[in-house]
Amino acid sequence: MATLRDVAQQAGVSIATASRVVSGLDNVRSETRERVERAMRELLYVPPGRRPATGVIGLLVPDLENPIFPALAQAIEKHATEAGFASILCSTTAAAFREVDYVHMLLDRHVDGMIFISCEMTNMSGDHEHYARLVDEGAQIVFVNGALNTLSVPSVGVDERSAGEVATQHLLELGHRRIGYVAGPDYYLPTQQKAAGRRAALRAAALEDGDMTAHGEFSVAGGRNALRNLLVSDRPPTGVICSSDLMAIGVLQEAAAQGLRVPDDLSVVGFDGIDATRWTKPALTTVEQPIEEIAETAVGALQSLIEDPAKPLPDFSFRPQLAVRESTAHPHAASRR
């Protein structure tokens, strides 16, 4: 945890000078103030004690290309406005260094708190040091859809394991026995959690997991590539669950390119519940996130932290809901063998 001494040392000033800058006093030269403020940002130093509220919070999302992220951000922004907060939206392009840069910027603007949507915390191979430093310094943060239990930070989101189980169970109930997984990168926590749910459903049906998982990026192209890899098997899946709706849309495109009819030859289940799933041909069966409930709970949790930082908060986990549409059906008799 960075201290005022660390800030002074990094800025090359005395502790007294650093303290005057932190306290907002005017009797410091502008270039010295800039050095101290830069050191505070670099060290993620949060001055102790309650600062005057600004009524502003930061929303950090991985990108704005996957429709689920702007949908969550829009819902959170709406509930934040109702709670009296203005929001600063930051798209990190799923890069840890961009996320850290935005954290610096938000701290510089004295935001009251931050909500991280599907943050770098979900990347199991990433560097999560900046989260620990924020927590140690007393910053008020909430994670949405992705957190590790190594930090004392409230997490709000969908139960990813249940999502994998619900999607797989749906295909099992239709009679499918070769159920593949069009998965996101294997180093992401949600990918692993959905895989655990799929395995649990298969075990309950006395079926082997088999070699029916293919990984790709969380994108349309990633879904196409993953399905292409699954179809080279002598006994390809008759149904697949997907890590995201974007990947599922890629599966629909690749199936059509391969001459497969959905759902006659291949049943497809997505995940997220983005609006586009109603417009695909066929309309996509998907496991929907309760976006409004997640957003309202996340804002409520952050507001509680801002009002009473010492108040312990639990994690909030929502069970996803299956929306059955046209992309799933009973497997053809020939494909069951």
Protein backbone atom coordinates (compact mmCIF):
# COMPACT_ATOMS: atom_id res chain seq x y z
CA MET A 1 0.00 0.00 0.00
CA ALA A 2 1.45 3.35 -1.06
CA THR A 3 1.98 5.94 1.64
CA LEU A 4 2.45 9.70 1.59
CA ARG A 5 6.15 9.02 2.15
CA ASP A 6 6.20 6.89 -1.04
CA VAL A 7 4.54 9.71 -2.97
CA ALA A 8 7.04 12.26 -1.66
CA GLN A 9 9.97 10.00 -2.50
CA GLN A 10 8.75 9.32 -6.05
CA ALA A 11 8.09 13.03 -6.64
CA GLY A 12 11.43 14.06 -5.12
CA VAL A 13 9.88 16.38 -2.54
CA SER A 14 9.53 16.48 1.23
CA ILE A 15 6.64 14.79 3.00
CA ALA A 16 5.45 18.23 4.10
CA THR A 17 5.29 19.42 0.49
CA ALA A 18 3.47 16.28 -0.60
CA SER A 19 1.03 16.76 2.26
CA ARG A 20 0.28 20.34 1.17
CA VAL A 21 -0.53 19.11 -2.35
CA VAL A 22 -2.74 16.30 -1.05
CA SER A 23 -4.54 18.78 1.21
CA GLY A 24 -5.19 21.13 -1.71
CA LEU A 25 -3.18 24.04 -0.31
CA ASP A 26 -2.05 26.72 -2.75
CA ASN A 27 1.44 27.44 -1.41
CA VAL A 28 3.16 24.94 -3.76
CA ARG A 29 4.81 25.76 -7.10
CA SER A 30 2.84 24.48 -10.10
CA GLU A 31 5.65 22.24 -11.40
CA THR A 32 6.10 20.71 -7.93
CA ARG A 33 2.35 20.15 -7.65
CA GLU A 34 2.36 18.40 -11.03
CA ARG A 35 5.18 16.05 -9.91
CA VAL A 36 3.35 15.14 -6.72
CA GLU A 37 0.03 14.59 -8.50
CA ARG A 38 1.79 12.43 -11.11
CA ALA A 39 3.33 10.34 -8.36
CA MET A 40 -0.09 9.95 -6.71
CA ARG A 41 -1.56 8.68 -9.98
CA GLU A 42 1.32 6.32 -10.68
CA LEU A 43 1.14 4.85 -7.17
CA LEU A 44 -2.69 4.82 -7.15
CA TYR A 45 -2.46 6.79 -3.91
CA VAL A 46 -5.83 7.66 -2.37
CA PRO A 47 -5.61 10.25 0.45
CA PRO A 48 -6.91 8.89 3.76
CA GLY A 49 -10.23 10.02 5.16
CA ARG A 50 -13.39 11.03 3.37
CA ARG A 51 -12.99 13.55 0.59
CA PRO A 52 -15.85 15.84 -0.43
CA ALA A 53 -18.24 13.88 -2.63
CA THR A 54 -18.14 14.78 -6.32
CA GLY A 55 -21.28 12.89 -7.32
CA VAL A 56 -19.34 11.20 -10.12
CA ILE A 57 -18.53 7.52 -10.64
CA GLY A 58 -16.45 5.73 -13.24
CA LEU A 59 -17.73 2.88 -15.44
CA LEU A 60 -15.00 0.77 -17.03
CA VAL A 61 -15.89 -1.68 -19.82
CA PRO A 62 -13.62 -3.93 -21.93
CA ASP A 63 -15.00 -2.62 -25.24
CA LEU A 64 -18.11 -1.28 -26.93
CA GLU A 65 -18.16 -3.76 -29.83
CA ASN A 66 -19.76 -6.64 -27.93
CA PRO A 67 -23.35 -5.42 -27.43
CA ILE A 68 -23.57 -6.87 -23.91
CA PHE A 69 -21.09 -4.32 -22.56
CA PRO A 70 -22.86 -1.14 -23.71
CA ALA A 71 -26.15 -2.75 -22.61
CA LEU A 72 -24.80 -3.26 -19.09
CA ALA A 73 -23.17 0.18 -19.08
CA GLN A 74 -26.39 1.87 -20.22
CA ALA A 75 -28.43 0.10 -17.54
CA ILE A 76 -25.87 0.98 -14.85
CA GLU A 77 -25.73 4.60 -16.01
CA LYS A 78 -29.53 4.82 -15.81
CA HIS A 79 -29.62 3.51 -12.24
CA ALA A 80 -26.64 5.69 -11.30
CA THR A 81 -28.50 8.77 -12.57
CA GLU A 82 -31.54 7.80 -10.52
CA ALA A 83 -29.24 7.54 -7.49
CA GLY A 84 -27.86 11.04 -8.13
CA PHE A 85 -24.54 10.13 -9.78
CA ALA A 86 -23.02 11.28 -13.04
CA SER A 87 -20.97 8.65 -14.88
CA ILE A 88 -17.71 8.69 -16.81
CA LEU A 89 -17.60 5.79 -19.31
CA CYS A 90 -14.18 4.32 -20.11
CA SER A 91 -13.57 1.64 -22.76
CA THR A 92 -10.33 -0.19 -21.93
CA THR A 93 -10.13 -2.31 -25.13
CA ALA A 94 -9.60 -5.30 -22.80
CA ALA A 95 -6.03 -4.14 -22.13
CA ALA A 96 -4.68 -4.04 -18.59
CA PHE A 97 -2.47 -1.00 -19.26
CA ARG A 98 -5.45 0.96 -20.64
CA GLU A 99 -7.48 0.00 -17.59
CA VAL A 100 -4.72 1.30 -15.31
CA ASP A 101 -4.52 4.52 -17.33
CA TYR A 102 -8.24 5.08 -16.91
CA VAL A 103 -8.01 4.35 -13.19
CA HIS A 104 -5.35 7.08 -12.95
CA MET A 105 -7.62 9.49 -14.83
CA LEU A 106 -10.64 8.70 -12.65
CA LEU A 107 -8.64 9.14 -9.46
CA ASP A 108 -7.38 12.45 -10.80
CA ARG A 109 -11.00 13.53 -11.18
CA HIS A 110 -11.80 12.46 -7.60
CA VAL A 111 -14.64 10.12 -8.53
CA ASP A 112 -16.63 8.74 -5.61
CA GLY A 113 -16.25 5.16 -6.83
CA MET A 114 -15.79 2.86 -9.81
CA ILE A 115 -17.69 -0.04 -11.36
CA PHE A 116 -15.62 -2.47 -13.43
CA ILE A 117 -17.63 -4.46 -16.00
CA SER A 118 -16.04 -7.78 -17.03
CA CYS A 119 -12.69 -6.32 -16.03
CA GLU A 120 -9.17 -7.68 -16.46
CA MET A 121 -9.75 -9.54 -13.21
CA THR A 122 -11.45 -12.26 -15.32
CA ASN A 123 -8.20 -12.81 -17.25
CA MET A 124 -6.49 -15.46 -15.14
CA SER A 125 -3.17 -14.80 -16.86
CA GLY A 126 -3.29 -11.04 -16.32
CA ASP A 127 -1.76 -8.69 -13.79
CA HIS A 128 -4.27 -7.74 -11.09
CA GLU A 129 -1.97 -5.72 -8.83
CA HIS A 130 -3.73 -2.42 -9.48
CA TYR A 131 -6.99 -3.75 -8.02
CA ALA A 132 -5.27 -4.77 -4.80
CA ARG A 133 -3.61 -1.37 -4.57
CA LEU A 134 -6.92 0.40 -5.06
CA VAL A 135 -8.52 -1.67 -2.31
CA ASP A 136 -5.58 -1.12 0.03
CA GLU A 137 -5.82 2.63 -0.55
CA GLY A 138 -9.51 2.67 0.31
CA ALA A 139 -11.01 3.29 -3.13
CA GLN A 140 -14.67 2.27 -3.46
CA ILE A 141 -15.04 -0.25 -6.29
CA VAL A 142 -17.54 -2.89 -7.42
CA PHE A 143 -16.96 -5.68 -9.93
CA VAL A 144 -19.68 -6.69 -12.39
CA ASN A 145 -19.41 -10.11 -14.06
CA GLY A 146 -15.98 -11.12 -12.99
CA ALA A 147 -14.01 -11.11 -9.75
CA LEU A 148 -11.63 -13.20 -7.72
CA ASN A 149 -12.32 -13.98 -4.08
CA THR A 150 -8.78 -12.90 -3.20
CA LEU A 151 -9.99 -9.30 -2.83
CA SER A 152 -12.53 -7.90 -0.41
CA VAL A 153 -14.61 -6.26 -3.14
CA PRO A 154 -18.33 -6.82 -3.75
CA SER A 155 -19.04 -8.67 -6.96
CA VAL A 156 -22.34 -8.51 -8.84
CA GLY A 157 -23.11 -10.74 -11.78
CA VAL A 158 -24.56 -13.78 -13.42
CA ASP A 159 -23.75 -17.28 -12.22
CA GLU A 160 -21.53 -18.43 -15.09
CA ARG A 161 -21.44 -22.04 -13.89
CA SER A 162 -25.23 -22.16 -13.88
CA ALA A 163 -25.24 -20.69 -17.38
CA GLY A 164 -23.16 -23.58 -18.70
CA GLU A 165 -25.33 -26.06 -16.84
CA VAL A 166 -28.64 -24.54 -17.98
CA ALA A 167 -27.57 -24.43 -21.63
CA THR A 168 -26.28 -28.02 -21.58
CA GLN A 169 -29.33 -29.32 -19.72
CA HIS A 170 -31.58 -27.77 -22.38
CA LEU A 171 -29.82 -29.72 -25.13
CA LEU A 172 -29.86 -32.91 -23.05
CA GLU A 173 -33.61 -32.60 -22.57
CA LEU A 174 -34.00 -32.33 -26.34
CA GLY A 175 -32.17 -35.63 -26.72
CA HIS A 176 -28.67 -34.49 -27.66
CA ARG A 177 -25.79 -36.62 -26.42
CA ARG A 178 -22.85 -35.06 -28.27
CA ILE A 179 -22.81 -31.54 -26.92
CA GLY A 180 -19.86 -29.33 -27.80
CA TYR A 181 -18.61 -26.13 -26.24
CA VAL A 182 -17.70 -23.14 -28.42
CA ALA A 183 -15.62 -21.52 -25.73
CA GLY A 184 -13.87 -18.24 -25.21
CA PRO A 185 -10.14 -18.17 -24.41
CA ASP A 186 -9.35 -20.79 -21.76
CA TYR A 187 -7.56 -18.31 -19.47
CA TYR A 188 -10.76 -16.36 -18.80
CA LEU A 189 -12.64 -17.19 -15.63
CA PRO A 190 -16.14 -17.18 -17.21
CA THR A 191 -14.93 -19.68 -19.83
CA GLN A 192 -13.77 -22.02 -17.09
CA GLN A 193 -16.93 -21.58 -15.03
CA LYS A 194 -19.24 -22.36 -17.96
CA ALA A 195 -17.11 -25.42 -18.71
CA ALA A 196 -17.61 -26.61 -15.13
CA GLY A 197 -21.38 -26.21 -15.50
CA ARG A 198 -21.36 -28.15 -18.77
CA ARG A 199 -19.36 -30.98 -17.21
CA ALA A 200 -21.75 -31.16 -14.25
CA ALA A 201 -24.77 -31.49 -16.55
CA LEU A 202 -23.05 -34.16 -18.65
CA ARG A 203 -22.04 -36.14 -15.55
CA ALA A 204 -25.60 -35.99 -14.23
CA ALA A 205 -26.70 -37.56 -17.53
CA ALA A 206 -23.95 -40.23 -17.25
CA LEU A 207 -22.16 -38.83 -20.31
CA GLU A 208 -18.44 -38.26 -20.85
CA ASP A 209 -17.14 -34.77 -21.46
CA GLY A 210 -15.33 -35.96 -24.58
CA ASP A 211 -13.05 -33.91 -26.81
CA MET A 212 -15.75 -31.43 -27.82
CA THR A 213 -14.41 -28.07 -26.65
CA ALA A 214 -12.87 -25.56 -29.05
CA HIS A 215 -11.63 -22.13 -28.00
CA GLY A 216 -11.80 -18.85 -29.86
CA GLU A 217 -12.00 -15.13 -29.24
CA PHE A 218 -15.23 -13.63 -27.87
CA SER A 219 -16.31 -12.58 -31.36
CA VAL A 220 -18.19 -13.72 -34.45
CA ALA A 221 -14.92 -14.79 -36.06
CA GLY A 222 -13.95 -16.65 -32.89
CA GLY A 223 -17.21 -18.59 -32.99
CA ARG A 224 -16.72 -19.51 -36.63
CA ASN A 225 -13.18 -20.76 -36.04
CA ALA A 226 -14.18 -22.78 -32.99
CA LEU A 227 -17.05 -24.54 -34.77
CA ARG A 228 -14.79 -25.27 -37.73
CA ASN A 229 -12.43 -27.05 -35.35
CA LEU A 230 -15.26 -29.06 -33.77
CA LEU A 231 -16.59 -30.23 -37.13
CA VAL A 232 -13.37 -32.00 -38.16
CA SER A 233 -14.18 -34.80 -35.68
CA ASP A 234 -15.45 -38.17 -36.95
CA ARG A 235 -18.38 -37.72 -34.57
CA PRO A 236 -19.03 -33.98 -34.41
CA PRO A 237 -21.49 -32.52 -31.92
CA THR A 238 -25.20 -32.37 -32.68
CA GLY A 239 -25.52 -29.34 -30.43
CA VAL A 240 -23.21 -26.67 -29.04
CA ILE A 241 -23.31 -24.18 -26.19
CA CYS A 242 -21.38 -20.94 -26.65
CA SER A 243 -19.51 -18.54 -24.38
CA SER A 244 -21.31 -15.53 -25.84
CA ASP A 245 -24.03 -14.57 -28.27
CA LEU A 246 -21.45 -13.09 -30.64
CA MET A 247 -19.69 -16.45 -30.80
CA ALA A 248 -23.06 -18.15 -31.33
CA ILE A 249 -23.79 -15.83 -34.27
CA GLY A 250 -20.44 -16.89 -35.70
CA VAL A 251 -21.50 -20.52 -35.25
CA LEU A 252 -24.70 -19.83 -37.23
CA GLN A 253 -22.65 -18.28 -40.02
CA GLU A 254 -20.12 -21.11 -40.12
CA ALA A 255 -22.83 -23.77 -40.02
CA ALA A 256 -24.46 -22.18 -43.06
CA ALA A 257 -21.09 -22.03 -44.84
CA GLN A 258 -20.57 -25.74 -44.10
CA GLY A 259 -24.00 -26.66 -45.45
CA LEU A 260 -25.46 -27.47 -42.03
CA ARG A 261 -29.03 -26.54 -41.19
CA VAL A 262 -29.77 -25.04 -37.79
CA PRO A 263 -31.43 -26.58 -35.85
CA ASP A 264 -31.99 -29.67 -38.06
CA ASP A 265 -28.31 -30.63 -38.24
CA LEU A 266 -26.93 -28.56 -35.35
CA SER A 267 -28.58 -26.96 -32.33
CA VAL A 268 -26.99 -23.76 -31.00
CA VAL A 269 -27.31 -22.04 -27.61
CA GLY A 270 -25.79 -18.62 -26.98
CA PHE A 271 -25.16 -16.64 -23.82
CA ASP A 272 -25.83 -12.99 -22.86
CA GLY A 273 -29.25 -12.17 -24.30
CA ILE A 274 -28.28 -9.32 -26.64
CA ASP A 275 -31.02 -7.88 -28.86
CA ALA A 276 -29.42 -9.31 -32.00
CA THR A 277 -30.39 -12.85 -30.93
CA ARG A 278 -33.98 -12.03 -31.93
CA TRP A 279 -32.94 -10.99 -35.43
CA THR A 280 -30.75 -13.93 -36.47
CA LYS A 281 -32.00 -16.59 -38.88
CA PRO A 282 -33.04 -18.71 -37.08
CA ALA A 283 -33.66 -16.69 -33.93
CA LEU A 284 -31.09 -17.75 -31.36
CA THR A 285 -31.84 -19.72 -28.24
CA THR A 286 -29.74 -18.12 -25.52
CA VAL A 287 -29.10 -17.94 -21.79
CA GLU A 288 -29.95 -14.38 -20.81
CA GLN A 289 -28.28 -12.21 -18.21
CA PRO A 290 -30.69 -10.26 -15.95
CA ILE A 291 -29.16 -6.95 -17.01
CA GLU A 292 -31.50 -4.63 -15.12
CA GLU A 293 -31.15 -6.55 -11.85
CA ILE A 294 -27.37 -6.66 -12.18
CA ALA A 295 -27.18 -2.93 -12.92
CA GLU A 296 -29.48 -1.89 -10.08
CA THR A 297 -27.64 -4.10 -7.59
CA ALA A 298 -24.20 -2.87 -8.69
CA VAL A 299 -25.16 0.78 -8.27
CA GLY A 300 -26.77 0.04 -4.92
CA ALA A 301 -23.65 -1.76 -3.72
CA LEU A 302 -21.38 1.11 -4.77
CA GLN A 303 -23.67 3.66 -3.14
CA SER A 304 -23.55 1.66 0.11
CA LEU A 305 -19.75 1.62 -0.01
CA ILE A 306 -19.58 5.35 -0.64
CA GLU A 307 -21.94 6.12 2.24
CA ASP A 308 -20.37 3.62 4.66
CA PRO A 309 -16.99 2.22 3.54
CA ALA A 310 -16.73 0.03 6.64
CA LYS A 311 -20.00 -1.77 5.94
CA PRO A 312 -19.34 -5.35 4.73
CA LEU A 313 -21.18 -6.33 1.56
CA PRO A 314 -21.78 -9.81 0.15
CA ASP A 315 -21.31 -10.93 -3.44
CA PHE A 316 -24.49 -10.92 -5.50
CA SER A 317 -25.03 -13.79 -7.95
CA PHE A 318 -28.00 -14.03 -10.33
CA ARG A 319 -29.15 -17.22 -12.01
CA PRO A 320 -29.50 -16.72 -15.78
CA GLN A 321 -32.71 -17.49 -17.65
CA LEU A 322 -33.04 -19.68 -20.74
CA ALA A 323 -34.81 -18.02 -23.69
CA VAL A 324 -35.84 -20.79 -26.09
CA ARG A 325 -36.19 -19.68 -29.70
CA GLU A 326 -35.60 -21.37 -33.06
CA SER A 327 -31.95 -22.50 -33.02
CA THR A 328 -32.47 -25.63 -30.89
CA ALA A 329 -34.49 -28.77 -31.60
CA HIS A 330 -34.42 -32.56 -31.20
CA PRO A 331 -31.50 -34.12 -33.07
CA HIS A 332 -32.27 -36.03 -36.26
CA ALA A 333 -32.39 -39.80 -35.80
CA ALA A 334 -29.35 -40.25 -38.05
CA SER A 335 -27.25 -37.87 -35.97
CA ARG A 336 -27.99 -39.65 -32.69
CA ARG A 337 -25.92 -42.67 -33.61
